[in-house]
Protein backbone atom coordinates (compact mmCIF):
# COMPACT_ATOMS: atom_id res chain seq x y z
CA MET A 1 0.85 2.40 23.58
CA LYS A 2 -1.55 1.67 20.76
CA TYR A 3 -0.79 3.29 17.62
CA SER A 4 -2.34 4.00 14.21
CA VAL A 5 -0.83 2.24 11.04
CA LEU A 6 -1.35 2.68 7.44
CA VAL A 7 -0.51 -0.25 5.31
CA GLU A 8 -0.41 1.42 1.44
CA VAL A 9 0.41 -2.25 -0.54
CA ARG A 10 1.69 -1.46 -4.09
CA LEU A 11 3.06 -3.43 -6.96
CA ARG A 12 7.24 -3.82 -7.57
CA PRO A 13 8.10 -1.77 -10.13
CA GLY A 14 8.41 -3.54 -13.18
CA ILE A 15 5.08 -6.00 -12.65
CA ALA A 16 2.28 -5.28 -14.92
CA ASP A 17 -0.99 -3.09 -13.88
CA PRO A 18 -3.71 -3.81 -15.81
CA GLN A 19 -6.37 -1.74 -13.41
CA GLY A 20 -4.42 0.90 -13.71
CA SER A 21 -3.37 0.43 -17.14
CA THR A 22 -7.40 0.26 -17.91
CA ILE A 23 -8.24 3.11 -15.46
CA GLU A 24 -5.56 5.30 -17.57
CA ARG A 25 -7.42 4.24 -20.99
CA SER A 26 -10.58 5.07 -20.29
CA LEU A 27 -8.92 8.53 -18.00
CA SER A 28 -8.76 10.14 -21.70
CA THR A 29 -11.74 8.97 -22.88
CA LEU A 30 -13.49 11.21 -19.96
CA GLY A 31 -11.53 13.75 -21.40
CA PHE A 32 -8.16 13.81 -19.08
CA ASP A 33 -5.78 14.40 -20.66
CA GLY A 34 -2.06 14.01 -19.08
CA ILE A 35 -2.80 12.16 -17.10
CA GLY A 36 -0.14 9.37 -17.24
CA GLY A 37 1.90 6.30 -14.77
CA VAL A 38 -1.83 5.30 -12.80
CA ARG A 39 -0.94 2.43 -11.06
CA VAL A 40 -3.25 0.87 -9.10
CA GLY A 41 -2.25 -0.55 -5.16
CA LYS A 42 -5.40 -0.66 -1.37
CA SER A 43 -4.26 0.34 1.85
CA VAL A 44 -5.20 -0.80 4.28
CA ARG A 45 -5.84 1.11 8.66
CA PHE A 46 -5.81 -0.60 12.14
CA GLY A 47 -4.97 0.65 15.10
CA ILE A 48 -2.33 -1.61 17.26
CA GLU A 49 -1.30 -1.78 20.80
CA ALA A 50 2.89 -2.87 21.17
CA SER A 51 5.01 -1.26 24.08
CA ASP A 52 7.37 0.57 22.39
CA GLU A 53 6.76 2.04 17.78
CA ALA A 54 9.60 -0.44 16.90
CA THR A 55 7.74 -3.12 18.54
CA ALA A 56 5.24 -1.78 16.08
CA ARG A 57 6.79 -1.58 13.99
CA ALA A 58 8.64 -5.66 13.61
CA GLN A 59 5.15 -6.52 14.20
CA VAL A 60 3.23 -4.01 11.44
CA ASP A 61 6.03 -5.65 8.58
CA GLU A 62 5.70 -8.86 9.93
CA LEU A 63 1.93 -8.90 9.13
CA CYS A 64 2.97 -8.08 5.51
CA ALA A 65 5.75 -10.17 4.74
CA ARG A 66 3.09 -13.04 6.03
CA PHE A 67 -0.20 -11.70 5.68
CA LEU A 68 -1.35 -8.57 3.30
CA THR A 69 1.08 -8.76 0.34
CA ASN A 70 2.34 -10.97 -1.32
CA PRO A 71 6.06 -10.31 -1.58
CA VAL A 72 7.15 -11.62 -4.78
CA ILE A 73 5.08 -8.33 -6.25
CA GLU A 74 3.80 -6.37 -4.37
CA ASP A 75 6.24 -3.96 -2.02
CA ALA A 76 4.22 -1.93 1.46
CA LEU A 77 5.24 1.29 2.86
CA VAL A 78 4.04 1.33 6.25
CA SER A 79 3.53 4.73 8.23
CA ILE A 80 2.80 4.53 12.22
CA GLU A 81 1.80 7.07 14.78
CA ALA A 82 0.63 7.76 18.53
CA ALA A 83 -2.76 7.20 18.65
């Protein structure tokens, strides 16, 4: 069965996000007031073939731990749905 996967990689709480801070400062300069807590991450979308959703999730979790994230400073939020 084929599944569509979305992995959202985010910095863990307490980890400095200089890119997010720069964006946040720039927003007020551009007249966008009242915006705070800006954090920058990345998203990765792909398809995966697996016998069932549990198998797909296990493969994606391993992929995240070994390649898509730095587990020391990043977390991954995984969404899987049948394609």
